[in-house]
């Protein structure tokens, strides 16, 4: 049984307060894919993804970006 991250609850609180621009900025620097998935679970249960389509698209884009394999860069 995994606990939800503190990051997800804080970003969900930003969205609930109406500050979706700050929430999108936080989504763009999300620590892990699991944190983003936890955030989407919180927003889905609160029916906030329908009200904020820009947050929905930003979170799905960042999940895809963080899930993709990294390109190797030589030093």
N, C-alpha and C. Protein backbone atom coordinates (compact mmCIF):
# COMPACT_ATOMS: atom_id res chain seq x y z
N UNK A 1 0.84 -1.16 0.00
CA UNK A 1 0.00 0.00 0.00
C UNK A 1 0.89 1.23 0.00
N UNK A 2 0.82 2.02 -1.05
CA UNK A 2 1.70 3.19 -1.14
C UNK A 2 0.95 4.45 -0.70
N UNK A 3 1.71 5.33 -0.12
CA UNK A 3 1.15 6.61 0.31
C UNK A 3 1.23 7.61 -0.83
N UNK A 4 0.29 8.53 -0.87
CA UNK A 4 0.35 9.57 -1.87
C UNK A 4 1.38 10.60 -1.44
N UNK A 5 2.01 11.20 -2.42
CA UNK A 5 3.08 12.14 -2.11
C UNK A 5 2.52 13.47 -1.61
N UNK A 6 3.34 14.15 -0.85
CA UNK A 6 2.96 15.47 -0.35
C UNK A 6 2.90 16.46 -1.51
N UNK A 7 3.77 16.26 -2.50
CA UNK A 7 3.81 17.15 -3.66
C UNK A 7 2.46 17.16 -4.36
N UNK A 8 1.87 16.00 -4.54
CA UNK A 8 0.60 15.91 -5.27
C UNK A 8 -0.51 16.64 -4.53
N UNK A 9 -0.55 16.52 -3.22
CA UNK A 9 -1.61 17.21 -2.47
C UNK A 9 -1.42 18.72 -2.49
N UNK A 10 -0.17 19.17 -2.49
CA UNK A 10 0.08 20.61 -2.55
C UNK A 10 -0.30 21.20 -3.90
N UNK A 11 0.01 20.49 -4.97
CA UNK A 11 -0.35 20.97 -6.31
C UNK A 11 -1.87 20.91 -6.50
N UNK A 12 -2.50 19.89 -5.96
CA UNK A 12 -3.96 19.81 -6.03
C UNK A 12 -4.60 20.98 -5.28
N UNK A 13 -4.01 21.38 -4.17
CA UNK A 13 -4.52 22.54 -3.44
C UNK A 13 -4.37 23.82 -4.26
N UNK A 14 -3.29 23.94 -5.01
CA UNK A 14 -3.13 25.10 -5.90
C UNK A 14 -4.25 25.14 -6.93
N UNK A 15 -4.58 23.99 -7.48
CA UNK A 15 -5.62 23.94 -8.51
C UNK A 15 -6.98 24.24 -7.90
N UNK A 16 -7.24 23.71 -6.72
CA UNK A 16 -8.52 23.96 -6.05
C UNK A 16 -8.69 25.43 -5.71
N UNK A 17 -7.57 26.12 -5.42
CA UNK A 17 -7.66 27.54 -5.09
C UNK A 17 -7.79 28.42 -6.33
N UNK A 18 -7.66 27.81 -7.52
CA UNK A 18 -7.84 28.57 -8.75
C UNK A 18 -6.55 29.07 -9.38
N UNK A 19 -5.42 28.69 -8.82
CA UNK A 19 -4.14 29.14 -9.35
C UNK A 19 -3.56 28.05 -10.25
N UNK A 20 -4.18 27.87 -11.41
CA UNK A 20 -3.75 26.81 -12.31
C UNK A 20 -2.42 27.13 -12.98
N UNK A 21 -2.08 28.40 -13.13
CA UNK A 21 -0.79 28.76 -13.74
C UNK A 21 0.36 28.29 -12.86
N UNK A 22 0.25 28.48 -11.56
CA UNK A 22 1.28 28.00 -10.64
C UNK A 22 1.32 26.49 -10.61
N UNK A 23 0.17 25.85 -10.71
CA UNK A 23 0.11 24.39 -10.72
C UNK A 23 0.79 23.83 -11.97
N UNK A 24 0.59 24.46 -13.11
CA UNK A 24 1.23 24.01 -14.34
C UNK A 24 2.74 24.19 -14.25
N UNK A 25 3.19 25.28 -13.63
CA UNK A 25 4.62 25.47 -13.43
C UNK A 25 5.20 24.37 -12.55
N UNK A 26 4.48 23.96 -11.54
CA UNK A 26 4.92 22.86 -10.68
C UNK A 26 4.89 21.52 -11.41
N UNK A 27 3.90 21.34 -12.26
CA UNK A 27 3.80 20.09 -13.03
C UNK A 27 4.99 19.96 -13.97
N UNK A 28 5.45 21.08 -14.54
CA UNK A 28 6.57 21.03 -15.46
C UNK A 28 7.88 20.65 -14.79
N UNK A 29 7.97 20.81 -13.47
CA UNK A 29 9.18 20.42 -12.74
C UNK A 29 8.88 19.30 -11.75
N UNK A 30 7.94 18.46 -12.10
CA UNK A 30 7.52 17.36 -11.22
C UNK A 30 8.68 16.42 -10.95
N UNK A 31 8.79 15.93 -9.72
CA UNK A 31 9.91 15.07 -9.37
C UNK A 31 9.89 13.69 -10.04
N UNK A 32 8.74 13.03 -10.06
CA UNK A 32 8.67 11.68 -10.64
C UNK A 32 7.34 11.47 -11.35
N UNK A 33 7.29 10.40 -12.12
CA UNK A 33 6.06 10.02 -12.80
C UNK A 33 5.01 9.61 -11.78
N UNK A 34 5.43 8.93 -10.72
CA UNK A 34 4.50 8.50 -9.68
C UNK A 34 3.80 9.70 -9.04
N UNK A 35 4.54 10.78 -8.82
CA UNK A 35 3.93 11.98 -8.26
C UNK A 35 2.87 12.54 -9.20
N UNK A 36 3.16 12.56 -10.48
CA UNK A 36 2.18 13.04 -11.45
C UNK A 36 0.95 12.13 -11.51
N UNK A 37 1.17 10.84 -11.42
CA UNK A 37 0.04 9.91 -11.43
C UNK A 37 -0.81 10.08 -10.17
N UNK A 38 -0.16 10.31 -9.03
CA UNK A 38 -0.90 10.58 -7.79
C UNK A 38 -1.72 11.86 -7.91
N UNK A 39 -1.13 12.87 -8.54
CA UNK A 39 -1.86 14.13 -8.75
C UNK A 39 -3.08 13.90 -9.63
N UNK A 40 -2.92 13.14 -10.70
CA UNK A 40 -4.06 12.88 -11.59
C UNK A 40 -5.15 12.09 -10.87
N UNK A 41 -4.77 11.18 -9.97
CA UNK A 41 -5.77 10.45 -9.19
C UNK A 41 -6.55 11.41 -8.29
N UNK A 42 -5.83 12.31 -7.63
CA UNK A 42 -6.50 13.28 -6.75
C UNK A 42 -7.45 14.18 -7.54
N UNK A 43 -6.99 14.63 -8.70
CA UNK A 43 -7.81 15.54 -9.50
C UNK A 43 -9.00 14.81 -10.12
N UNK A 44 -8.84 13.55 -10.44
CA UNK A 44 -9.94 12.78 -11.00
C UNK A 44 -11.03 12.55 -9.97
N UNK A 45 -10.63 12.23 -8.74
CA UNK A 45 -11.63 12.00 -7.70
C UNK A 45 -12.36 13.28 -7.33
N UNK A 46 -11.69 14.43 -7.47
CA UNK A 46 -12.32 15.71 -7.16
C UNK A 46 -12.99 16.34 -8.38
N UNK A 47 -12.99 15.64 -9.52
CA UNK A 47 -13.57 16.15 -10.77
C UNK A 47 -12.99 17.49 -11.19
N UNK A 48 -11.70 17.68 -10.97
CA UNK A 48 -11.06 18.95 -11.35
C UNK A 48 -10.42 18.89 -12.72
N UNK A 49 -10.17 17.70 -13.25
CA UNK A 49 -9.56 17.62 -14.58
C UNK A 49 -10.51 18.13 -15.66
N UNK A 50 -11.81 17.94 -15.46
CA UNK A 50 -12.78 18.44 -16.44
C UNK A 50 -12.85 19.96 -16.40
N UNK A 51 -12.65 20.53 -15.22
CA UNK A 51 -12.74 21.99 -15.08
C UNK A 51 -11.48 22.70 -15.55
N UNK A 52 -10.34 21.99 -15.55
CA UNK A 52 -9.06 22.59 -15.92
C UNK A 52 -8.40 21.75 -17.01
N UNK A 53 -8.83 21.91 -18.26
CA UNK A 53 -8.26 21.08 -19.33
C UNK A 53 -6.78 21.37 -19.59
N UNK A 54 -6.32 22.59 -19.28
CA UNK A 54 -4.91 22.91 -19.47
C UNK A 54 -4.03 22.14 -18.48
N UNK A 55 -4.52 21.92 -17.28
CA UNK A 55 -3.80 21.12 -16.29
C UNK A 55 -3.80 19.65 -16.72
N UNK A 56 -4.89 19.21 -17.28
CA UNK A 56 -5.00 17.83 -17.77
C UNK A 56 -3.97 17.58 -18.86
N UNK A 57 -3.88 18.47 -19.84
CA UNK A 57 -2.94 18.26 -20.93
C UNK A 57 -1.49 18.40 -20.46
N UNK A 58 -1.22 19.34 -19.54
CA UNK A 58 0.14 19.50 -19.03
C UNK A 58 0.60 18.27 -18.26
N UNK A 59 -0.29 17.70 -17.48
CA UNK A 59 0.10 16.52 -16.70
C UNK A 59 0.31 15.31 -17.59
N UNK A 60 -0.53 15.11 -18.60
CA UNK A 60 -0.31 13.98 -19.50
C UNK A 60 0.95 14.16 -20.32
N UNK A 61 1.24 15.38 -20.73
CA UNK A 61 2.47 15.63 -21.48
C UNK A 61 3.71 15.36 -20.64
N UNK A 62 3.68 15.75 -19.38
CA UNK A 62 4.85 15.54 -18.53
C UNK A 62 5.00 14.07 -18.14
N UNK A 63 3.91 13.35 -18.01
CA UNK A 63 4.01 11.90 -17.76
C UNK A 63 4.69 11.24 -18.96
N UNK A 64 4.31 11.64 -20.15
CA UNK A 64 4.92 11.08 -21.36
C UNK A 64 6.40 11.46 -21.44
N UNK A 65 6.72 12.69 -21.10
CA UNK A 65 8.11 13.15 -21.18
C UNK A 65 8.99 12.45 -20.15
N UNK A 66 8.49 12.27 -18.94
CA UNK A 66 9.29 11.62 -17.91
C UNK A 66 9.36 10.12 -18.11
N UNK A 67 8.41 9.54 -18.79
CA UNK A 67 8.41 8.11 -19.02
C UNK A 67 9.31 7.70 -20.18
N UNK A 68 9.58 8.63 -21.07
CA UNK A 68 10.38 8.31 -22.24
C UNK A 68 11.83 8.07 -21.85
N UNK A 69 12.51 7.19 -22.57
CA UNK A 69 13.92 6.97 -22.25
C UNK A 69 14.74 8.21 -22.59
N UNK A 70 15.74 8.42 -21.79
CA UNK A 70 16.60 9.60 -21.99
C UNK A 70 17.60 9.33 -23.11
N UNK A 71 17.92 10.36 -23.85
CA UNK A 71 18.96 10.25 -24.85
C UNK A 71 20.31 10.36 -24.16
N UNK A 72 21.24 9.62 -24.64
CA UNK A 72 22.58 9.64 -24.03
C UNK A 72 23.34 10.87 -24.52
N UNK A 73 23.87 11.60 -23.59
CA UNK A 73 24.70 12.76 -23.95
C UNK A 73 26.11 12.48 -23.45
N UNK A 74 27.05 12.63 -24.33
CA UNK A 74 28.43 12.41 -23.89
C UNK A 74 28.91 13.65 -23.15
N UNK A 75 29.83 13.44 -22.22
CA UNK A 75 30.31 14.58 -21.42
C UNK A 75 31.18 15.54 -22.19
